[in-house]
């Protein structure tokens, strides 16, 4: 028998660790790191579809770090001064919807319904990125529902 809140705590810690790792990876890229970055940007006709700048990459890193805080705060593992419970609940739902949207994709270059399939990014998207987003979305849904 598990203590009340144990499942939510394990889920929140696991999600937070994932979000922190992804945040750290984005900081690494923002600081000029090259490992994995070529396969992390979708391609159109063999060319990167976009080149995110340092500021945009740091914004994504910050949002991922914030997502980690939201899940552990929503699971009552930490308190965020001045953050009412309804705001943490809303943030958990927003995270769930954003990640679910990433799973669905843009119907062109990423996500379950992508049409571009033959690129290195498309293969990684199908094998790693989209399943990871699905797992994170499912975990955030559990946290949003008060698992």
Foldseek 3Di string as FASTA:
>chain_A
DDDPLPVLQVLLVVLLVVLLVQLVVLLCVLVPDDPPPVLQFWDDPPHGPDDDHSVVSNVSSVVSNVLSVLSCVLSVVDPDPPQDNVNSLVSLVVLLVVLVDQQCNDLDTAHPNHPDQDDSNNVCRVVPVNVVSVSSSVSSVCSSVPD
